[in-house]
Each structure stands twice: as structure tokens, then as C-alpha cells.
Amino acid sequence: MLTSGEKASDIVREKLLVNGGTAVIPLQKGDFCTITSTDNGRAFTSDKLNRHNFKYEFSVFDVVVDLLKKSPQRKAKKGNAHGKGDKVGYGRCTADTVVGTIAIHYFGKKPGESCFDPVFVLAAVLEWAGIAKNGWGYIQLL
């Protein structure tokens, strides 16, 4: 659980380091993903996100939590970036969704651009860290 003044990025990083830098985390549909700390604890990779070839800074979790803090009931739709109409700012990839806010505030995407959708892994990690509930179609801050 996130307390006042704590950052989600620090909680996830510390929990991962306590686990030796690698953790196997259950995904919502019953599969598992492996996350691994990289860059001396500044970033992480996952086998489900480009097979450990793409790094995410832990700050991506702060972006998600900032959205949840501002959302009604501290809950936001996950969204989607897979459909033809789901470009940044449109369809199911708007700024009030988790995928939309990651695209805009983490990746720096502009309206109409395509983006990668890492939410299924990031939501599972937030639940594993005790920060948020990974619900069907939404994430809610604990």
C-alpha cells in the first residue's frame, strides 16, 4: 500500500531488489511474466514486453499512480492501444485511461500516434507490489 510521500517507483524497485532483482508475477489471465531489474536498479525489463529487449524506467509506475490519484474512486480504465481507432487521444487510448496516460506522460506521444500497450504487465506488477488492484478492465489504487 502506498502511503503519503512514497513513490510507486521506489516500492516496486525495492520489492524487486529484495527478490534478487527478478520476480515471476502472475498475470490476470493466469499466465506469468518475469520482470528483471536492469541498469543498476534504474529500470526493468519483462519477458512479456519485447522479451527483455526494451527497458522501462521505474518512473512509469509513478505516471500510472498519478492518474489513479486524480481519478474518481482512485480507479481508471486500463484502455487499449490495439484497435485501428485506438490511437493516442482517441478511442480507448484517451488521457483518462492507463494506456493513454502512459503514452502521453511517459512515452511523450502526441494525439493520433500509435503506441505500445504495456498495461497488462504494469498492472500485474502494481498488484504484486501491493499498490493497486488489477481488475478486469481497470486499475484501482489501494
N, C-alpha and C. Protein backbone atom coordinates (compact mmCIF):
# COMPACT_ATOMS: atom_id res chain seq x y z
N MET A 1 0.84 -1.19 0.00
CA MET A 1 0.00 0.00 0.00
C MET A 1 0.89 1.25 0.00
N LEU A 2 0.47 2.20 -0.76
CA LEU A 2 1.20 3.45 -0.92
C LEU A 2 0.81 4.42 0.19
N THR A 3 1.80 4.93 0.92
CA THR A 3 1.50 5.92 1.95
C THR A 3 1.93 7.30 1.47
N SER A 4 1.50 8.30 2.18
CA SER A 4 1.82 9.68 1.80
C SER A 4 3.32 9.88 1.67
N GLY A 5 3.73 10.46 0.58
CA GLY A 5 5.13 10.74 0.35
C GLY A 5 5.91 9.62 -0.33
N GLU A 6 5.34 8.41 -0.34
CA GLU A 6 6.02 7.30 -1.02
C GLU A 6 5.76 7.35 -2.51
N LYS A 7 6.71 6.86 -3.27
CA LYS A 7 6.54 6.79 -4.72
C LYS A 7 6.40 5.33 -5.12
N ALA A 8 5.50 5.08 -6.04
CA ALA A 8 5.28 3.71 -6.53
C ALA A 8 6.57 3.14 -7.12
N SER A 9 7.33 3.98 -7.80
CA SER A 9 8.59 3.52 -8.41
C SER A 9 9.55 2.98 -7.36
N ASP A 10 9.63 3.63 -6.21
CA ASP A 10 10.52 3.17 -5.15
C ASP A 10 10.05 1.86 -4.54
N ILE A 11 8.74 1.72 -4.35
CA ILE A 11 8.19 0.50 -3.77
C ILE A 11 8.46 -0.69 -4.68
N VAL A 12 8.18 -0.54 -5.97
CA VAL A 12 8.40 -1.64 -6.92
C VAL A 12 9.89 -1.97 -7.00
N ARG A 13 10.72 -0.97 -7.12
CA ARG A 13 12.17 -1.20 -7.21
C ARG A 13 12.68 -1.96 -5.99
N GLU A 14 12.30 -1.51 -4.80
CA GLU A 14 12.76 -2.16 -3.57
C GLU A 14 12.27 -3.59 -3.46
N LYS A 15 11.02 -3.83 -3.80
CA LYS A 15 10.49 -5.20 -3.72
C LYS A 15 11.21 -6.10 -4.72
N LEU A 16 11.50 -5.58 -5.88
CA LEU A 16 12.23 -6.37 -6.89
C LEU A 16 13.65 -6.66 -6.41
N LEU A 17 14.31 -5.68 -5.83
CA LEU A 17 15.67 -5.88 -5.34
C LEU A 17 15.71 -6.89 -4.19
N VAL A 18 14.70 -6.86 -3.31
CA VAL A 18 14.59 -7.83 -2.22
C VAL A 18 14.47 -9.25 -2.78
N ASN A 19 13.87 -9.36 -3.96
CA ASN A 19 13.71 -10.66 -4.62
C ASN A 19 14.91 -11.01 -5.50
N GLY A 20 16.02 -10.37 -5.29
CA GLY A 20 17.23 -10.68 -6.04
C GLY A 20 17.28 -10.07 -7.42
N GLY A 21 16.40 -9.11 -7.69
CA GLY A 21 16.41 -8.43 -8.99
C GLY A 21 15.52 -9.06 -10.04
N THR A 22 14.89 -10.17 -9.71
CA THR A 22 13.99 -10.85 -10.65
C THR A 22 12.77 -11.37 -9.90
N ALA A 23 11.61 -11.26 -10.52
CA ALA A 23 10.38 -11.79 -9.92
C ALA A 23 9.50 -12.38 -11.01
N VAL A 24 8.82 -13.45 -10.67
CA VAL A 24 7.82 -14.05 -11.56
C VAL A 24 6.47 -13.64 -10.99
N ILE A 25 5.68 -12.97 -11.82
CA ILE A 25 4.44 -12.34 -11.37
C ILE A 25 3.26 -12.91 -12.15
N PRO A 26 2.18 -13.27 -11.46
CA PRO A 26 1.00 -13.78 -12.16
C PRO A 26 0.28 -12.66 -12.92
N LEU A 27 -0.09 -12.96 -14.15
CA LEU A 27 -0.88 -12.03 -14.95
C LEU A 27 -2.36 -12.34 -14.74
N GLN A 28 -3.21 -11.44 -15.13
CA GLN A 28 -4.63 -11.57 -14.86
C GLN A 28 -5.27 -12.80 -15.52
N LYS A 29 -4.79 -13.18 -16.67
CA LYS A 29 -5.40 -14.31 -17.38
C LYS A 29 -4.79 -15.66 -16.99
N GLY A 30 -3.95 -15.68 -15.94
CA GLY A 30 -3.41 -16.93 -15.44
C GLY A 30 -2.00 -17.26 -15.90
N ASP A 31 -1.49 -16.55 -16.86
CA ASP A 31 -0.12 -16.73 -17.32
C ASP A 31 0.82 -16.02 -16.32
N PHE A 32 2.11 -16.11 -16.55
CA PHE A 32 3.08 -15.45 -15.69
C PHE A 32 4.02 -14.60 -16.53
N CYS A 33 4.58 -13.58 -15.91
CA CYS A 33 5.63 -12.79 -16.56
C CYS A 33 6.80 -12.70 -15.61
N THR A 34 7.96 -12.51 -16.18
CA THR A 34 9.17 -12.32 -15.39
C THR A 34 9.64 -10.89 -15.57
N ILE A 35 9.86 -10.20 -14.46
CA ILE A 35 10.45 -8.87 -14.55
C ILE A 35 11.84 -8.93 -13.94
N THR A 36 12.75 -8.18 -14.53
CA THR A 36 14.14 -8.19 -14.11
C THR A 36 14.66 -6.77 -14.02
N SER A 37 15.31 -6.46 -12.92
CA SER A 37 15.94 -5.16 -12.74
C SER A 37 17.15 -5.05 -13.67
N THR A 38 17.35 -3.87 -14.22
CA THR A 38 18.48 -3.63 -15.12
C THR A 38 19.03 -2.23 -14.86
N ASP A 39 20.12 -1.90 -15.49
CA ASP A 39 20.73 -0.57 -15.37
C ASP A 39 20.98 -0.18 -13.91
N ASN A 40 21.55 -1.10 -13.15
CA ASN A 40 21.86 -0.85 -11.73
C ASN A 40 20.64 -0.39 -10.93
N GLY A 41 19.47 -1.01 -11.20
CA GLY A 41 18.26 -0.70 -10.44
C GLY A 41 17.51 0.52 -10.90
N ARG A 42 17.87 1.08 -12.04
CA ARG A 42 17.18 2.27 -12.55
C ARG A 42 16.03 1.92 -13.49
N ALA A 43 16.01 0.68 -14.00
CA ALA A 43 14.99 0.29 -14.97
C ALA A 43 14.69 -1.20 -14.80
N PHE A 44 13.73 -1.68 -15.56
CA PHE A 44 13.39 -3.10 -15.54
C PHE A 44 12.98 -3.53 -16.93
N THR A 45 13.01 -4.83 -17.14
CA THR A 45 12.54 -5.43 -18.39
C THR A 45 11.56 -6.54 -18.03
N SER A 46 10.85 -7.03 -19.05
CA SER A 46 9.94 -8.16 -18.84
C SER A 46 9.96 -9.05 -20.08
N ASP A 47 9.81 -10.34 -19.84
CA ASP A 47 9.73 -11.28 -20.95
C ASP A 47 8.47 -11.06 -21.78
N LYS A 48 7.45 -10.46 -21.19
CA LYS A 48 6.19 -10.21 -21.91
C LYS A 48 6.18 -8.86 -22.63
N LEU A 49 7.18 -8.04 -22.38
CA LEU A 49 7.29 -6.75 -23.05
C LEU A 49 8.57 -6.77 -23.88
N ASN A 50 8.44 -7.22 -25.09
CA ASN A 50 9.56 -7.29 -26.04
C ASN A 50 10.69 -8.20 -25.57
N ARG A 51 10.34 -9.27 -24.88
CA ARG A 51 11.29 -10.32 -24.48
C ARG A 51 12.57 -9.76 -23.85
N HIS A 52 12.41 -8.87 -22.92
CA HIS A 52 13.51 -8.25 -22.17
C HIS A 52 14.38 -7.33 -23.04
N ASN A 53 13.95 -6.99 -24.25
CA ASN A 53 14.76 -6.14 -25.13
C ASN A 53 14.46 -4.65 -24.98
N PHE A 54 13.41 -4.30 -24.26
CA PHE A 54 13.04 -2.90 -24.10
C PHE A 54 12.99 -2.60 -22.61
N LYS A 55 13.65 -1.55 -22.19
CA LYS A 55 13.71 -1.16 -20.78
C LYS A 55 12.64 -0.13 -20.45
N TYR A 56 12.09 -0.26 -19.27
CA TYR A 56 11.17 0.73 -18.72
C TYR A 56 11.82 1.29 -17.46
N GLU A 57 11.80 2.59 -17.32
CA GLU A 57 12.23 3.19 -16.06
C GLU A 57 11.14 2.94 -15.03
N PHE A 58 11.51 2.80 -13.78
CA PHE A 58 10.52 2.57 -12.73
C PHE A 58 9.52 3.73 -12.62
N SER A 59 9.89 4.89 -13.13
CA SER A 59 9.01 6.06 -13.07
C SER A 59 7.68 5.84 -13.80
N VAL A 60 7.61 4.85 -14.68
CA VAL A 60 6.35 4.56 -15.36
C VAL A 60 5.25 4.25 -14.34
N PHE A 61 5.62 3.66 -13.20
CA PHE A 61 4.62 3.36 -12.17
C PHE A 61 4.12 4.63 -11.50
N ASP A 62 4.96 5.64 -11.38
CA ASP A 62 4.53 6.93 -10.82
C ASP A 62 3.52 7.60 -11.74
N VAL A 63 3.71 7.46 -13.05
CA VAL A 63 2.78 8.03 -14.02
C VAL A 63 1.40 7.40 -13.84
N VAL A 64 1.36 6.08 -13.70
CA VAL A 64 0.09 5.38 -13.52
C VAL A 64 -0.57 5.80 -12.20
N VAL A 65 0.20 5.82 -11.13
CA VAL A 65 -0.35 6.18 -9.82
C VAL A 65 -0.83 7.63 -9.80
N ASP A 66 -0.15 8.53 -10.46
CA ASP A 66 -0.62 9.92 -10.55
C ASP A 66 -2.00 9.99 -11.20
N LEU A 67 -2.22 9.20 -12.26
CA LEU A 67 -3.54 9.14 -12.89
C LEU A 67 -4.57 8.61 -11.90
N LEU A 68 -4.25 7.52 -11.21
CA LEU A 68 -5.20 6.91 -10.28
C LEU A 68 -5.56 7.87 -9.15
N LYS A 69 -4.60 8.62 -8.65
CA LYS A 69 -4.86 9.58 -7.57
C LYS A 69 -5.85 10.65 -8.00
N LYS A 70 -5.84 11.03 -9.27
CA LYS A 70 -6.72 12.08 -9.79
C LYS A 70 -8.07 11.56 -10.27
N SER A 71 -8.20 10.24 -10.39
CA SER A 71 -9.40 9.63 -10.96
C SER A 71 -10.47 9.40 -9.89
N PRO A 72 -11.75 9.46 -10.30
CA PRO A 72 -12.83 9.17 -9.35
C PRO A 72 -12.64 7.80 -8.73
N GLN A 73 -12.81 7.70 -7.44
CA GLN A 73 -12.65 6.46 -6.67
C GLN A 73 -11.24 5.87 -6.81
N ARG A 74 -10.28 6.72 -7.22
CA ARG A 74 -8.88 6.30 -7.39
C ARG A 74 -8.79 5.08 -8.31
N LYS A 75 -9.61 5.11 -9.36
CA LYS A 75 -9.78 3.98 -10.27
C LYS A 75 -9.83 4.50 -11.71
N ALA A 76 -9.12 3.82 -12.62
CA ALA A 76 -9.13 4.24 -14.03
C ALA A 76 -9.22 3.01 -14.93
N LYS A 77 -9.85 3.22 -16.08
CA LYS A 77 -9.90 2.16 -17.09
C LYS A 77 -8.50 1.91 -17.62
N LYS A 78 -8.21 0.65 -17.92
CA LYS A 78 -6.90 0.32 -18.48
C LYS A 78 -6.76 0.90 -19.88
N GLY A 79 -7.83 0.81 -20.68
CA GLY A 79 -7.78 1.30 -22.05
C GLY A 79 -7.19 0.26 -22.97
N ASN A 80 -6.89 0.69 -24.20
CA ASN A 80 -6.41 -0.24 -25.21
C ASN A 80 -5.72 0.55 -26.31
N ALA A 81 -4.66 0.00 -26.85
CA ALA A 81 -3.96 0.64 -27.97
C ALA A 81 -3.83 -0.32 -29.14
N HIS A 82 -4.72 -1.30 -29.21
CA HIS A 82 -4.62 -2.34 -30.22
C HIS A 82 -5.52 -2.14 -31.44
N GLY A 83 -6.65 -1.45 -31.28
CA GLY A 83 -7.58 -1.29 -32.38
C GLY A 83 -7.19 -0.18 -33.35
N LYS A 84 -7.74 -0.23 -34.55
CA LYS A 84 -7.44 0.80 -35.56
C LYS A 84 -7.77 2.21 -35.07
N GLY A 85 -8.86 2.33 -34.31
CA GLY A 85 -9.27 3.64 -33.82
C GLY A 85 -8.67 4.01 -32.48
N ASP A 86 -7.82 3.14 -31.94
CA ASP A 86 -7.26 3.36 -30.61
C ASP A 86 -5.86 3.97 -30.68
N LYS A 87 -5.80 5.14 -31.25
CA LYS A 87 -4.56 5.92 -31.30
C LYS A 87 -4.55 6.86 -30.10
N VAL A 88 -3.42 7.39 -29.78
CA VAL A 88 -3.29 8.28 -28.62
C VAL A 88 -4.31 9.41 -28.73
N GLY A 89 -5.12 9.55 -27.68
CA GLY A 89 -6.13 10.60 -27.63
C GLY A 89 -7.47 10.21 -28.23
N TYR A 90 -7.58 9.00 -28.78
CA TYR A 90 -8.80 8.57 -29.45
C TYR A 90 -9.20 7.17 -29.02
N GLY A 91 -10.49 6.85 -29.25
CA GLY A 91 -10.97 5.51 -28.96
C GLY A 91 -10.77 5.14 -27.51
N ARG A 92 -10.08 4.02 -27.29
CA ARG A 92 -9.84 3.54 -25.93
C ARG A 92 -8.42 3.86 -25.46
N CYS A 93 -7.83 4.91 -26.04
CA CYS A 93 -6.46 5.32 -25.68
C CYS A 93 -6.43 6.82 -25.35
N THR A 94 -7.41 7.23 -24.55
CA THR A 94 -7.51 8.63 -24.16
C THR A 94 -6.71 8.91 -22.89
N ALA A 95 -6.52 10.15 -22.58
CA ALA A 95 -5.68 10.55 -21.44
C ALA A 95 -6.23 10.09 -20.10
N ASP A 96 -7.51 9.74 -20.02
CA ASP A 96 -8.07 9.28 -18.75
C ASP A 96 -7.97 7.76 -18.59
N THR A 97 -7.32 7.09 -19.54
CA THR A 97 -7.06 5.65 -19.41
C THR A 97 -5.59 5.45 -19.04
N VAL A 98 -5.30 4.28 -18.50
CA VAL A 98 -3.92 3.99 -18.10
C VAL A 98 -3.01 3.96 -19.32
N VAL A 99 -3.42 3.27 -20.38
CA VAL A 99 -2.57 3.20 -21.58
C VAL A 99 -2.39 4.58 -22.20
N GLY A 100 -3.43 5.39 -22.20
CA GLY A 100 -3.33 6.74 -22.77
C GLY A 100 -2.40 7.63 -21.97
N THR A 101 -2.51 7.56 -20.66
CA THR A 101 -1.64 8.41 -19.83
C THR A 101 -0.18 7.96 -19.92
N ILE A 102 0.07 6.66 -20.06
CA ILE A 102 1.44 6.18 -20.25
C ILE A 102 1.98 6.68 -21.60
N ALA A 103 1.15 6.58 -22.62
CA ALA A 103 1.57 7.05 -23.95
C ALA A 103 1.93 8.53 -23.93
N ILE A 104 1.11 9.33 -23.28
CA ILE A 104 1.30 10.78 -23.28
C ILE A 104 2.40 11.22 -22.30
N HIS A 105 2.31 10.75 -21.05
CA HIS A 105 3.19 11.27 -20.00
C HIS A 105 4.47 10.47 -19.77
N TYR A 106 4.55 9.27 -20.31
CA TYR A 106 5.80 8.50 -20.18
C TYR A 106 6.54 8.44 -21.51
N PHE A 107 5.82 8.07 -22.58
CA PHE A 107 6.46 7.96 -23.88
C PHE A 107 6.50 9.28 -24.66
N GLY A 108 5.70 10.28 -24.23
CA GLY A 108 5.71 11.57 -24.91
C GLY A 108 5.00 11.56 -26.26
N LYS A 109 4.04 10.68 -26.42
CA LYS A 109 3.30 10.57 -27.69
C LYS A 109 2.31 11.72 -27.83
N LYS A 110 2.03 12.05 -29.08
CA LYS A 110 1.08 13.11 -29.42
C LYS A 110 -0.23 12.49 -29.93
N PRO A 111 -1.33 13.25 -29.89
CA PRO A 111 -2.60 12.73 -30.37
C PRO A 111 -2.49 12.19 -31.81
N GLY A 112 -3.09 11.03 -32.01
CA GLY A 112 -3.09 10.39 -33.32
C GLY A 112 -1.97 9.40 -33.54
N GLU A 113 -0.94 9.43 -32.69
CA GLU A 113 0.18 8.50 -32.84
C GLU A 113 -0.19 7.12 -32.30
N SER A 114 0.50 6.12 -32.78
CA SER A 114 0.36 4.76 -32.26
C SER A 114 1.24 4.61 -31.03
N CYS A 115 0.90 3.65 -30.20
CA CYS A 115 1.74 3.38 -29.03
C CYS A 115 1.66 1.91 -28.65
N PHE A 116 2.66 1.47 -27.93
CA PHE A 116 2.71 0.12 -27.41
C PHE A 116 1.88 0.07 -26.13
N ASP A 117 1.22 -1.04 -25.87
CA ASP A 117 0.35 -1.18 -24.71
C ASP A 117 0.96 -2.15 -23.69
N PRO A 118 1.66 -1.63 -22.67
CA PRO A 118 2.29 -2.50 -21.66
C PRO A 118 1.43 -2.70 -20.40
N VAL A 119 0.17 -2.26 -20.43
CA VAL A 119 -0.63 -2.18 -19.21
C VAL A 119 -0.84 -3.54 -18.55
N PHE A 120 -0.97 -4.62 -19.31
CA PHE A 120 -1.24 -5.91 -18.69
C PHE A 120 -0.11 -6.33 -17.76
N VAL A 121 1.12 -5.98 -18.08
CA VAL A 121 2.25 -6.29 -17.21
C VAL A 121 2.35 -5.26 -16.08
N LEU A 122 2.24 -3.98 -16.40
CA LEU A 122 2.39 -2.94 -15.38
C LEU A 122 1.32 -3.06 -14.30
N ALA A 123 0.10 -3.38 -14.68
CA ALA A 123 -0.99 -3.55 -13.71
C ALA A 123 -0.70 -4.74 -12.79
N ALA A 124 -0.20 -5.82 -13.36
CA ALA A 124 0.14 -7.00 -12.55
C ALA A 124 1.26 -6.69 -11.57
N VAL A 125 2.24 -5.91 -12.00
CA VAL A 125 3.35 -5.52 -11.12
C VAL A 125 2.84 -4.64 -9.98
N LEU A 126 1.95 -3.70 -10.29
CA LEU A 126 1.40 -2.84 -9.24
C LEU A 126 0.62 -3.65 -8.21
N GLU A 127 -0.09 -4.68 -8.67
CA GLU A 127 -0.81 -5.53 -7.71
C GLU A 127 0.18 -6.35 -6.88
N TRP A 128 1.18 -6.93 -7.53
CA TRP A 128 2.22 -7.71 -6.84
C TRP A 128 2.90 -6.86 -5.76
N ALA A 129 3.09 -5.58 -6.04
CA ALA A 129 3.76 -4.68 -5.09
C ALA A 129 2.82 -4.16 -4.00
N GLY A 130 1.53 -4.52 -4.08
CA GLY A 130 0.57 -4.08 -3.07
C GLY A 130 0.13 -2.64 -3.20
N ILE A 131 0.24 -2.09 -4.41
CA ILE A 131 -0.08 -0.68 -4.64
C ILE A 131 -1.48 -0.49 -5.22
N ALA A 132 -1.89 -1.41 -6.09
CA ALA A 132 -3.17 -1.26 -6.78
C ALA A 132 -3.82 -2.61 -7.02
N LYS A 133 -5.12 -2.57 -7.21
CA LYS A 133 -5.88 -3.76 -7.59
C LYS A 133 -5.91 -3.83 -9.11
N ASN A 134 -5.56 -4.97 -9.65
CA ASN A 134 -5.58 -5.19 -11.09
C ASN A 134 -6.91 -5.85 -11.44
N GLY A 135 -7.92 -5.03 -11.71
CA GLY A 135 -9.25 -5.55 -12.01
C GLY A 135 -9.43 -5.80 -13.50
N TRP A 136 -10.55 -6.40 -13.86
CA TRP A 136 -10.88 -6.63 -15.27
C TRP A 136 -11.27 -5.31 -15.91
N GLY A 137 -10.38 -4.75 -16.71
CA GLY A 137 -10.64 -3.50 -17.42
C GLY A 137 -10.29 -2.24 -16.66
N TYR A 138 -9.83 -2.37 -15.43
CA TYR A 138 -9.50 -1.19 -14.64
C TYR A 138 -8.36 -1.48 -13.67
N ILE A 139 -7.77 -0.42 -13.16
CA ILE A 139 -6.80 -0.49 -12.07
C ILE A 139 -7.29 0.47 -11.00
N GLN A 140 -7.21 0.04 -9.73
CA GLN A 140 -7.65 0.89 -8.63
C GLN A 140 -6.58 0.94 -7.55
N LEU A 141 -6.25 2.15 -7.14
CA LEU A 141 -5.25 2.38 -6.10
C LEU A 141 -5.77 1.83 -4.77
N LEU A 142 -4.91 1.13 -4.07
CA LEU A 142 -5.30 0.59 -2.73
C LEU A 142 -5.15 1.65 -1.67
